N, C-alpha and C. Protein backbone atom coordinates (compact mmCIF):
# COMPACT_ATOMS: atom_id res chain seq x y z
N PHE A 1 6.75 -26.20 7.98
CA PHE A 1 6.05 -25.38 8.96
C PHE A 1 5.79 -23.98 8.40
N PHE A 2 6.84 -23.34 7.85
CA PHE A 2 6.69 -21.97 7.38
C PHE A 2 5.80 -21.89 6.14
N THR A 3 5.83 -22.93 5.29
CA THR A 3 4.94 -22.95 4.14
C THR A 3 3.49 -23.00 4.61
N GLY A 4 3.23 -23.84 5.61
CA GLY A 4 1.88 -23.92 6.16
C GLY A 4 1.44 -22.62 6.80
N LEU A 5 2.36 -21.96 7.50
CA LEU A 5 2.06 -20.67 8.13
C LEU A 5 1.71 -19.63 7.08
N ALA A 6 2.51 -19.54 6.04
CA ALA A 6 2.27 -18.54 5.00
C ALA A 6 0.95 -18.83 4.27
N THR A 7 0.66 -20.11 4.00
CA THR A 7 -0.60 -20.46 3.36
C THR A 7 -1.77 -20.07 4.25
N PHE A 8 -1.66 -20.33 5.56
CA PHE A 8 -2.70 -19.92 6.49
C PHE A 8 -2.89 -18.41 6.48
N LEU A 9 -1.79 -17.67 6.49
CA LEU A 9 -1.87 -16.22 6.51
C LEU A 9 -2.51 -15.68 5.24
N LEU A 10 -2.19 -16.29 4.10
CA LEU A 10 -2.82 -15.87 2.85
C LEU A 10 -4.33 -16.12 2.91
N THR A 11 -4.71 -17.28 3.45
CA THR A 11 -6.13 -17.61 3.56
C THR A 11 -6.81 -16.70 4.59
N ALA A 12 -6.16 -16.48 5.71
CA ALA A 12 -6.74 -15.63 6.76
C ALA A 12 -6.90 -14.20 6.29
N ASN A 13 -6.10 -13.79 5.35
CA ASN A 13 -6.16 -12.43 4.85
C ASN A 13 -7.51 -12.09 4.24
N VAL A 14 -8.20 -13.07 3.70
CA VAL A 14 -9.52 -12.84 3.11
C VAL A 14 -10.49 -12.31 4.16
N ALA A 15 -10.37 -12.80 5.39
CA ALA A 15 -11.29 -12.40 6.46
C ALA A 15 -10.75 -11.23 7.28
N TRP A 16 -9.65 -10.69 6.90
CA TRP A 16 -8.90 -9.68 7.65
C TRP A 16 -9.77 -8.54 8.13
N ALA A 17 -10.58 -7.96 7.29
CA ALA A 17 -11.35 -6.78 7.69
C ALA A 17 -12.85 -7.05 7.66
N GLN A 18 -13.23 -8.24 8.03
CA GLN A 18 -14.63 -8.61 8.02
C GLN A 18 -15.40 -7.82 9.07
N PRO A 19 -16.52 -7.21 8.70
CA PRO A 19 -17.31 -6.47 9.69
C PRO A 19 -17.83 -7.39 10.79
N LYS A 20 -17.84 -6.91 12.03
CA LYS A 20 -18.27 -7.72 13.17
C LYS A 20 -19.79 -7.94 13.17
N SER A 21 -20.56 -7.05 12.55
CA SER A 21 -22.01 -7.15 12.62
C SER A 21 -22.59 -8.23 11.70
N GLN A 22 -21.79 -8.75 10.81
CA GLN A 22 -22.26 -9.78 9.88
C GLN A 22 -22.30 -11.14 10.57
N PRO A 23 -23.26 -11.99 10.19
CA PRO A 23 -23.24 -13.35 10.72
C PRO A 23 -22.00 -14.07 10.17
N GLU A 24 -21.57 -15.10 10.86
CA GLU A 24 -20.39 -15.86 10.45
C GLU A 24 -20.66 -16.51 9.09
N PRO A 25 -19.96 -16.08 8.02
CA PRO A 25 -20.19 -16.65 6.70
C PRO A 25 -19.47 -17.99 6.55
N SER A 26 -19.95 -18.77 5.60
CA SER A 26 -19.25 -20.02 5.30
C SER A 26 -17.95 -19.69 4.59
N SER A 27 -17.04 -20.64 4.55
CA SER A 27 -15.75 -20.39 3.91
C SER A 27 -15.92 -20.13 2.41
N VAL A 28 -17.01 -20.61 1.82
CA VAL A 28 -17.23 -20.41 0.39
C VAL A 28 -17.52 -18.95 0.07
N ASN A 29 -18.32 -18.27 0.90
CA ASN A 29 -18.69 -16.89 0.59
C ASN A 29 -18.01 -15.88 1.52
N LEU A 30 -16.96 -16.28 2.22
CA LEU A 30 -16.26 -15.41 3.15
C LEU A 30 -15.77 -14.13 2.48
N ALA A 31 -15.20 -14.23 1.30
CA ALA A 31 -14.61 -13.07 0.63
C ALA A 31 -15.64 -11.99 0.32
N GLN A 32 -16.87 -12.37 0.02
CA GLN A 32 -17.85 -11.34 -0.32
C GLN A 32 -18.20 -10.47 0.88
N HIS A 33 -17.93 -10.92 2.09
CA HIS A 33 -18.20 -10.13 3.30
C HIS A 33 -16.99 -9.32 3.75
N ALA A 34 -15.84 -9.56 3.17
CA ALA A 34 -14.62 -8.85 3.55
C ALA A 34 -14.61 -7.47 2.90
N VAL A 35 -13.97 -6.51 3.57
CA VAL A 35 -13.78 -5.18 3.01
C VAL A 35 -12.78 -5.24 1.88
N SER A 36 -11.74 -6.06 2.06
CA SER A 36 -10.66 -6.15 1.11
C SER A 36 -10.19 -7.60 1.07
N ALA A 37 -9.90 -8.11 -0.13
CA ALA A 37 -9.47 -9.50 -0.26
C ALA A 37 -8.70 -9.72 -1.55
N ILE A 38 -7.89 -10.76 -1.54
CA ILE A 38 -7.23 -11.21 -2.76
C ILE A 38 -6.94 -12.70 -2.59
N LEU A 39 -7.05 -13.42 -3.66
CA LEU A 39 -6.70 -14.84 -3.70
C LEU A 39 -5.79 -15.01 -4.90
N ILE A 40 -4.58 -15.51 -4.65
CA ILE A 40 -3.63 -15.69 -5.73
C ILE A 40 -3.13 -17.13 -5.76
N ASP A 41 -2.65 -17.54 -6.90
CA ASP A 41 -1.95 -18.81 -7.01
C ASP A 41 -0.55 -18.56 -6.46
N ALA A 42 -0.18 -19.26 -5.40
CA ALA A 42 1.11 -19.01 -4.74
C ALA A 42 2.29 -19.30 -5.65
N ASP A 43 2.15 -20.24 -6.59
CA ASP A 43 3.26 -20.59 -7.48
C ASP A 43 3.46 -19.56 -8.58
N THR A 44 2.38 -19.09 -9.18
CA THR A 44 2.50 -18.22 -10.36
C THR A 44 2.22 -16.75 -10.05
N GLY A 45 1.53 -16.48 -8.97
CA GLY A 45 1.15 -15.11 -8.65
C GLY A 45 -0.10 -14.66 -9.39
N THR A 46 -0.71 -15.56 -10.14
CA THR A 46 -1.93 -15.23 -10.87
C THR A 46 -3.05 -14.88 -9.88
N VAL A 47 -3.69 -13.76 -10.11
CA VAL A 47 -4.80 -13.33 -9.26
C VAL A 47 -6.04 -14.11 -9.66
N LEU A 48 -6.62 -14.83 -8.70
CA LEU A 48 -7.81 -15.63 -8.94
C LEU A 48 -9.08 -14.90 -8.51
N TYR A 49 -8.94 -14.03 -7.53
CA TYR A 49 -10.07 -13.24 -7.04
C TYR A 49 -9.49 -12.02 -6.35
N GLU A 50 -10.16 -10.88 -6.50
CA GLU A 50 -9.77 -9.72 -5.71
C GLU A 50 -10.96 -8.79 -5.52
N LYS A 51 -10.91 -8.11 -4.41
CA LYS A 51 -11.94 -7.13 -4.06
C LYS A 51 -11.25 -6.04 -3.24
N ASN A 52 -11.22 -4.84 -3.77
CA ASN A 52 -10.57 -3.71 -3.08
C ASN A 52 -9.17 -4.10 -2.58
N SER A 53 -8.43 -4.82 -3.40
CA SER A 53 -7.17 -5.40 -2.97
C SER A 53 -6.07 -4.37 -2.71
N ARG A 54 -6.28 -3.13 -3.15
CA ARG A 54 -5.27 -2.09 -2.93
C ARG A 54 -5.69 -1.11 -1.83
N GLN A 55 -6.79 -1.41 -1.15
CA GLN A 55 -7.24 -0.55 -0.06
C GLN A 55 -6.28 -0.65 1.11
N LYS A 56 -5.83 0.50 1.60
CA LYS A 56 -4.88 0.55 2.71
C LYS A 56 -5.63 0.39 4.03
N LEU A 57 -5.21 -0.62 4.80
CA LEU A 57 -5.83 -0.92 6.08
C LEU A 57 -4.75 -1.25 7.10
N PRO A 58 -5.04 -1.10 8.39
CA PRO A 58 -4.06 -1.49 9.41
C PRO A 58 -3.83 -3.00 9.37
N PRO A 59 -2.58 -3.44 9.30
CA PRO A 59 -2.33 -4.88 9.13
C PRO A 59 -2.31 -5.70 10.41
N ALA A 60 -2.26 -5.07 11.57
CA ALA A 60 -2.17 -5.79 12.84
C ALA A 60 -1.04 -6.83 12.76
N SER A 61 -1.28 -8.03 13.24
CA SER A 61 -0.21 -9.03 13.32
C SER A 61 0.24 -9.58 11.97
N ILE A 62 -0.47 -9.27 10.90
CA ILE A 62 0.00 -9.65 9.56
C ILE A 62 1.36 -8.99 9.30
N THR A 63 1.66 -7.91 10.01
CA THR A 63 2.97 -7.26 9.95
C THR A 63 4.09 -8.27 10.16
N LYS A 64 3.83 -9.25 11.00
CA LYS A 64 4.87 -10.22 11.35
C LYS A 64 5.31 -11.07 10.16
N ILE A 65 4.54 -11.08 9.08
CA ILE A 65 5.00 -11.77 7.87
C ILE A 65 6.30 -11.12 7.39
N MET A 66 6.32 -9.80 7.35
CA MET A 66 7.55 -9.12 6.91
C MET A 66 8.66 -9.31 7.92
N THR A 67 8.34 -9.28 9.21
CA THR A 67 9.35 -9.54 10.22
C THR A 67 9.97 -10.91 10.01
N LEU A 68 9.14 -11.92 9.82
CA LEU A 68 9.65 -13.28 9.59
C LEU A 68 10.42 -13.38 8.28
N LEU A 69 9.97 -12.66 7.26
CA LEU A 69 10.68 -12.67 5.98
C LEU A 69 12.11 -12.17 6.17
N LEU A 70 12.27 -11.05 6.88
CA LEU A 70 13.62 -10.51 7.10
C LEU A 70 14.46 -11.41 8.00
N VAL A 71 13.84 -12.08 8.96
CA VAL A 71 14.55 -13.04 9.81
C VAL A 71 15.04 -14.21 8.94
N MET A 72 14.18 -14.73 8.08
CA MET A 72 14.57 -15.85 7.21
C MET A 72 15.69 -15.44 6.26
N GLU A 73 15.64 -14.23 5.75
CA GLU A 73 16.72 -13.75 4.88
C GLU A 73 18.04 -13.64 5.66
N ALA A 74 17.98 -13.16 6.88
CA ALA A 74 19.20 -13.07 7.71
C ALA A 74 19.77 -14.46 7.97
N LEU A 75 18.90 -15.44 8.19
CA LEU A 75 19.36 -16.82 8.36
C LEU A 75 19.99 -17.34 7.08
N ASP A 76 19.31 -17.15 5.94
CA ASP A 76 19.83 -17.62 4.64
C ASP A 76 21.17 -17.00 4.31
N GLN A 77 21.37 -15.74 4.70
CA GLN A 77 22.61 -15.02 4.40
C GLN A 77 23.70 -15.30 5.43
N GLY A 78 23.40 -16.08 6.45
CA GLY A 78 24.39 -16.42 7.46
C GLY A 78 24.67 -15.30 8.45
N LYS A 79 23.84 -14.28 8.47
CA LYS A 79 24.03 -13.16 9.42
C LYS A 79 23.67 -13.58 10.84
N ILE A 80 22.74 -14.50 10.96
CA ILE A 80 22.34 -15.05 12.25
C ILE A 80 22.17 -16.55 12.09
N LYS A 81 22.12 -17.26 13.23
CA LYS A 81 21.88 -18.71 13.23
C LYS A 81 20.71 -19.01 14.15
N LEU A 82 20.05 -20.12 13.90
CA LEU A 82 18.93 -20.53 14.74
C LEU A 82 19.35 -20.71 16.20
N THR A 83 20.60 -21.08 16.41
CA THR A 83 21.09 -21.35 17.76
C THR A 83 21.60 -20.11 18.49
N ASP A 84 21.68 -18.97 17.80
CA ASP A 84 22.14 -17.73 18.45
C ASP A 84 21.24 -17.41 19.63
N LYS A 85 21.87 -16.96 20.71
CA LYS A 85 21.11 -16.53 21.89
C LYS A 85 20.86 -15.03 21.78
N VAL A 86 19.62 -14.63 21.99
CA VAL A 86 19.21 -13.24 21.92
C VAL A 86 18.87 -12.77 23.33
N ARG A 87 19.52 -11.70 23.77
CA ARG A 87 19.21 -11.12 25.08
C ARG A 87 18.07 -10.12 24.88
N VAL A 88 17.02 -10.27 25.64
CA VAL A 88 15.81 -9.47 25.50
C VAL A 88 16.00 -8.11 26.18
N SER A 89 15.73 -7.05 25.44
CA SER A 89 15.82 -5.70 26.00
C SER A 89 14.58 -5.39 26.84
N GLU A 90 14.70 -4.36 27.64
CA GLU A 90 13.55 -3.91 28.42
C GLU A 90 12.43 -3.44 27.48
N TYR A 91 12.83 -2.77 26.38
CA TYR A 91 11.84 -2.30 25.42
C TYR A 91 11.07 -3.48 24.81
N ALA A 92 11.78 -4.51 24.35
CA ALA A 92 11.11 -5.68 23.75
C ALA A 92 10.18 -6.34 24.76
N ALA A 93 10.62 -6.46 25.99
CA ALA A 93 9.81 -7.11 27.03
C ALA A 93 8.57 -6.28 27.39
N SER A 94 8.58 -4.99 27.05
CA SER A 94 7.47 -4.12 27.45
C SER A 94 6.29 -4.12 26.47
N MET A 95 6.39 -4.87 25.39
CA MET A 95 5.31 -4.87 24.39
C MET A 95 4.03 -5.45 24.98
N GLY A 96 2.94 -4.83 24.66
CA GLY A 96 1.64 -5.34 25.10
C GLY A 96 1.03 -6.26 24.06
N GLY A 97 -0.24 -6.50 24.18
CA GLY A 97 -0.94 -7.35 23.22
C GLY A 97 -0.49 -8.80 23.34
N SER A 98 -0.54 -9.53 22.24
CA SER A 98 -0.12 -10.93 22.29
C SER A 98 1.38 -10.98 22.50
N GLN A 99 1.79 -11.87 23.39
CA GLN A 99 3.21 -11.95 23.74
C GLN A 99 3.55 -13.33 24.28
N ILE A 100 4.85 -13.57 24.40
CA ILE A 100 5.30 -14.81 25.01
C ILE A 100 5.89 -14.53 26.40
N PHE A 101 5.67 -13.31 26.89
CA PHE A 101 6.03 -12.89 28.24
C PHE A 101 7.53 -12.99 28.51
N LEU A 102 8.30 -12.41 27.60
CA LEU A 102 9.74 -12.33 27.78
C LEU A 102 10.07 -11.34 28.91
N GLU A 103 11.14 -11.61 29.62
CA GLU A 103 11.60 -10.75 30.70
C GLU A 103 12.86 -10.01 30.26
N PRO A 104 13.06 -8.77 30.70
CA PRO A 104 14.29 -8.05 30.37
C PRO A 104 15.52 -8.86 30.81
N GLY A 105 16.50 -8.98 29.92
CA GLY A 105 17.72 -9.72 30.22
C GLY A 105 17.63 -11.21 29.94
N GLU A 106 16.43 -11.73 29.74
CA GLU A 106 16.26 -13.14 29.42
C GLU A 106 16.93 -13.45 28.09
N GLU A 107 17.48 -14.65 27.95
CA GLU A 107 18.07 -15.08 26.69
C GLU A 107 17.26 -16.21 26.11
N MET A 108 17.03 -16.11 24.81
CA MET A 108 16.27 -17.14 24.09
C MET A 108 16.91 -17.30 22.72
N THR A 109 16.86 -18.50 22.16
CA THR A 109 17.45 -18.72 20.84
C THR A 109 16.60 -18.07 19.76
N VAL A 110 17.25 -17.78 18.65
CA VAL A 110 16.55 -17.26 17.49
C VAL A 110 15.42 -18.22 17.10
N GLU A 111 15.71 -19.52 17.11
CA GLU A 111 14.69 -20.51 16.74
C GLU A 111 13.46 -20.41 17.63
N ASP A 112 13.66 -20.30 18.93
CA ASP A 112 12.52 -20.21 19.85
C ASP A 112 11.76 -18.89 19.69
N LEU A 113 12.49 -17.82 19.40
CA LEU A 113 11.82 -16.53 19.17
C LEU A 113 10.99 -16.59 17.89
N ILE A 114 11.50 -17.26 16.85
CA ILE A 114 10.72 -17.43 15.61
C ILE A 114 9.42 -18.16 15.93
N LYS A 115 9.50 -19.20 16.71
CA LYS A 115 8.29 -19.93 17.11
C LYS A 115 7.35 -19.01 17.89
N GLY A 116 7.92 -18.16 18.74
CA GLY A 116 7.12 -17.22 19.50
C GLY A 116 6.38 -16.23 18.62
N VAL A 117 7.00 -15.86 17.49
CA VAL A 117 6.35 -14.96 16.54
C VAL A 117 5.32 -15.73 15.72
N ALA A 118 5.74 -16.87 15.15
CA ALA A 118 4.89 -17.61 14.20
C ALA A 118 3.72 -18.32 14.87
N VAL A 119 3.91 -18.84 16.06
CA VAL A 119 2.86 -19.62 16.72
C VAL A 119 2.03 -18.77 17.67
N ALA A 120 2.71 -17.97 18.51
CA ALA A 120 2.01 -17.20 19.54
C ALA A 120 1.77 -15.74 19.15
N SER A 121 2.25 -15.35 17.97
CA SER A 121 2.14 -13.96 17.51
C SER A 121 2.73 -13.00 18.53
N GLY A 122 3.84 -13.39 19.13
CA GLY A 122 4.46 -12.62 20.20
C GLY A 122 5.02 -11.29 19.75
N ASN A 123 4.40 -10.21 20.22
CA ASN A 123 4.91 -8.87 19.92
C ASN A 123 6.30 -8.67 20.52
N ASP A 124 6.50 -9.20 21.72
CA ASP A 124 7.80 -9.09 22.38
C ASP A 124 8.87 -9.85 21.60
N ALA A 125 8.55 -11.03 21.11
CA ALA A 125 9.50 -11.83 20.33
C ALA A 125 9.85 -11.14 19.01
N SER A 126 8.86 -10.49 18.39
CA SER A 126 9.10 -9.76 17.14
C SER A 126 10.11 -8.64 17.36
N VAL A 127 9.93 -7.88 18.43
CA VAL A 127 10.84 -6.77 18.70
C VAL A 127 12.22 -7.29 19.09
N ALA A 128 12.29 -8.36 19.86
CA ALA A 128 13.59 -8.93 20.24
C ALA A 128 14.37 -9.35 18.99
N LEU A 129 13.71 -9.99 18.04
CA LEU A 129 14.38 -10.38 16.79
C LEU A 129 14.77 -9.15 15.98
N ALA A 130 13.90 -8.17 15.91
CA ALA A 130 14.19 -6.94 15.16
C ALA A 130 15.44 -6.27 15.72
N GLU A 131 15.50 -6.15 17.04
CA GLU A 131 16.66 -5.52 17.67
C GLU A 131 17.92 -6.34 17.45
N TYR A 132 17.80 -7.66 17.49
CA TYR A 132 18.96 -8.53 17.30
C TYR A 132 19.54 -8.38 15.88
N ILE A 133 18.66 -8.28 14.91
CA ILE A 133 19.12 -8.19 13.51
C ILE A 133 19.62 -6.79 13.16
N ALA A 134 18.93 -5.76 13.61
CA ALA A 134 19.25 -4.40 13.14
C ALA A 134 19.79 -3.47 14.23
N GLY A 135 19.83 -3.92 15.46
CA GLY A 135 20.32 -3.05 16.54
C GLY A 135 19.20 -2.34 17.27
N THR A 136 18.24 -1.81 16.52
CA THR A 136 17.05 -1.16 17.09
C THR A 136 15.84 -1.56 16.27
N GLU A 137 14.67 -1.44 16.88
CA GLU A 137 13.46 -1.72 16.12
C GLU A 137 13.31 -0.68 15.00
N GLU A 138 13.66 0.55 15.28
CA GLU A 138 13.56 1.61 14.27
C GLU A 138 14.39 1.27 13.02
N ALA A 139 15.61 0.79 13.22
CA ALA A 139 16.46 0.41 12.08
C ALA A 139 15.86 -0.79 11.35
N PHE A 140 15.26 -1.72 12.10
CA PHE A 140 14.62 -2.89 11.48
C PHE A 140 13.42 -2.46 10.65
N VAL A 141 12.64 -1.53 11.17
CA VAL A 141 11.46 -1.03 10.43
C VAL A 141 11.91 -0.38 9.12
N ALA A 142 13.04 0.32 9.14
CA ALA A 142 13.58 0.88 7.89
C ALA A 142 13.90 -0.24 6.91
N MET A 143 14.45 -1.36 7.42
CA MET A 143 14.71 -2.52 6.56
C MET A 143 13.40 -3.10 6.01
N MET A 144 12.37 -3.15 6.84
CA MET A 144 11.06 -3.65 6.41
C MET A 144 10.51 -2.81 5.27
N ASN A 145 10.57 -1.50 5.44
CA ASN A 145 10.05 -0.60 4.40
C ASN A 145 10.87 -0.67 3.13
N GLU A 146 12.18 -0.85 3.25
CA GLU A 146 13.04 -1.00 2.07
C GLU A 146 12.70 -2.31 1.34
N LYS A 147 12.50 -3.39 2.09
CA LYS A 147 12.14 -4.67 1.47
C LYS A 147 10.78 -4.55 0.78
N ALA A 148 9.85 -3.87 1.42
CA ALA A 148 8.52 -3.66 0.81
C ALA A 148 8.68 -2.92 -0.52
N ARG A 149 9.51 -1.89 -0.54
CA ARG A 149 9.76 -1.13 -1.76
C ARG A 149 10.36 -2.04 -2.84
N GLN A 150 11.36 -2.85 -2.47
CA GLN A 150 12.01 -3.76 -3.41
C GLN A 150 11.02 -4.76 -4.01
N LEU A 151 10.05 -5.19 -3.22
CA LEU A 151 9.06 -6.17 -3.67
C LEU A 151 7.92 -5.54 -4.47
N GLY A 152 7.89 -4.22 -4.55
CA GLY A 152 6.81 -3.54 -5.27
C GLY A 152 5.55 -3.38 -4.46
N MET A 153 5.68 -3.37 -3.15
CA MET A 153 4.53 -3.21 -2.26
C MET A 153 4.25 -1.71 -2.11
N THR A 154 3.51 -1.17 -3.05
CA THR A 154 3.30 0.28 -3.12
C THR A 154 2.23 0.80 -2.18
N ASP A 155 1.48 -0.09 -1.54
CA ASP A 155 0.39 0.33 -0.64
C ASP A 155 0.74 0.05 0.82
N THR A 156 2.03 0.02 1.14
CA THR A 156 2.46 -0.39 2.47
C THR A 156 3.42 0.61 3.08
N ARG A 157 3.24 0.82 4.39
CA ARG A 157 4.22 1.54 5.20
C ARG A 157 4.18 0.91 6.58
N PHE A 158 5.33 0.44 7.02
CA PHE A 158 5.44 -0.16 8.35
C PHE A 158 5.93 0.89 9.34
N ALA A 159 5.41 0.83 10.58
CA ALA A 159 5.86 1.72 11.65
C ALA A 159 6.46 0.92 12.81
N ASN A 160 6.25 -0.39 12.82
CA ASN A 160 6.84 -1.25 13.85
C ASN A 160 6.95 -2.67 13.31
N SER A 161 7.58 -3.55 14.09
CA SER A 161 7.83 -4.92 13.63
C SER A 161 6.77 -5.92 14.05
N ASN A 162 5.78 -5.48 14.82
CA ASN A 162 4.82 -6.43 15.38
C ASN A 162 3.36 -6.18 15.01
N GLY A 163 3.04 -5.00 14.51
CA GLY A 163 1.67 -4.72 14.10
C GLY A 163 0.81 -4.03 15.14
N LEU A 164 1.38 -3.68 16.29
CA LEU A 164 0.59 -2.90 17.24
C LEU A 164 0.15 -1.60 16.57
N PRO A 165 -1.04 -1.09 16.91
CA PRO A 165 -1.55 0.11 16.24
C PRO A 165 -0.56 1.28 16.32
N ALA A 166 -0.37 1.93 15.18
CA ALA A 166 0.53 3.08 15.11
C ALA A 166 0.10 3.95 13.94
N PRO A 167 0.31 5.26 14.05
CA PRO A 167 0.01 6.13 12.91
C PRO A 167 0.85 5.73 11.70
N ASP A 168 0.29 5.87 10.53
CA ASP A 168 0.99 5.56 9.28
C ASP A 168 1.53 4.14 9.23
N HIS A 169 0.78 3.19 9.75
CA HIS A 169 1.13 1.76 9.68
C HIS A 169 0.00 1.09 8.91
N TYR A 170 0.25 0.75 7.66
CA TYR A 170 -0.83 0.23 6.82
C TYR A 170 -0.27 -0.66 5.72
N THR A 171 -1.15 -1.45 5.15
CA THR A 171 -0.83 -2.27 3.98
C THR A 171 -2.14 -2.63 3.29
N SER A 172 -2.01 -3.36 2.20
CA SER A 172 -3.20 -3.78 1.45
C SER A 172 -3.18 -5.30 1.28
N ALA A 173 -4.32 -5.86 0.93
CA ALA A 173 -4.39 -7.30 0.68
C ALA A 173 -3.42 -7.69 -0.43
N ARG A 174 -3.32 -6.86 -1.46
CA ARG A 174 -2.38 -7.13 -2.56
C ARG A 174 -0.95 -7.22 -2.05
N ASP A 175 -0.56 -6.25 -1.23
CA ASP A 175 0.81 -6.25 -0.73
C ASP A 175 1.07 -7.41 0.23
N ILE A 176 0.08 -7.80 1.00
CA ILE A 176 0.22 -8.96 1.88
C ILE A 176 0.46 -10.21 1.05
N ALA A 177 -0.25 -10.33 -0.06
CA ALA A 177 -0.04 -11.48 -0.94
C ALA A 177 1.39 -11.48 -1.50
N ILE A 178 1.87 -10.31 -1.87
CA ILE A 178 3.24 -10.21 -2.41
C ILE A 178 4.26 -10.68 -1.38
N MET A 179 4.18 -10.16 -0.15
CA MET A 179 5.19 -10.54 0.85
C MET A 179 5.01 -11.98 1.31
N SER A 180 3.78 -12.48 1.32
CA SER A 180 3.55 -13.88 1.71
C SER A 180 4.16 -14.83 0.68
N ARG A 181 4.01 -14.50 -0.60
CA ARG A 181 4.65 -15.32 -1.65
C ARG A 181 6.16 -15.32 -1.48
N GLU A 182 6.72 -14.16 -1.14
CA GLU A 182 8.17 -14.07 -0.95
C GLU A 182 8.61 -14.91 0.23
N LEU A 183 7.84 -14.92 1.32
CA LEU A 183 8.18 -15.75 2.48
C LEU A 183 8.14 -17.22 2.12
N LEU A 184 7.22 -17.62 1.27
CA LEU A 184 7.14 -19.03 0.85
C LEU A 184 8.41 -19.50 0.15
N LYS A 185 9.10 -18.57 -0.49
CA LYS A 185 10.34 -18.93 -1.19
C LYS A 185 11.40 -19.35 -0.20
């Protein structure tokens, strides 16, 4: 499931900043209409195509790739389990945009929250997981930025765990490819 998700996100990244005024391009020439794009071999990291791949742009829900990466690392390290129950804070439940409509005080398993992030792009589920892992979303965002630094993502700065618009929240197609490859591992 997660391999398919990451592959989709890498592919979707090509169309990430496509201008709305352009007619719908075919999948063959989609990249030429994008503001920024990169296509890499997921196994080797070899760049097959790039266009303005280091241009800093708002990542929106692509941010959730890093959120999921840190959740997967916490699972791998035994810090959390898929069956752990997460109590949703009022702050997490208050997220707008795409959500799974969590209620303050509601409990949901880590596994179900991951599905809420990966399938429904739930902003509320992203924040609930961030708070569960780090105590606060702010502390989780610091972890996100540290992981980005460790991976060599030099064109990225995260301001939240879900991608809602925020000042100084940006990344590049190149950096998205780097973190997506890491999630595939």
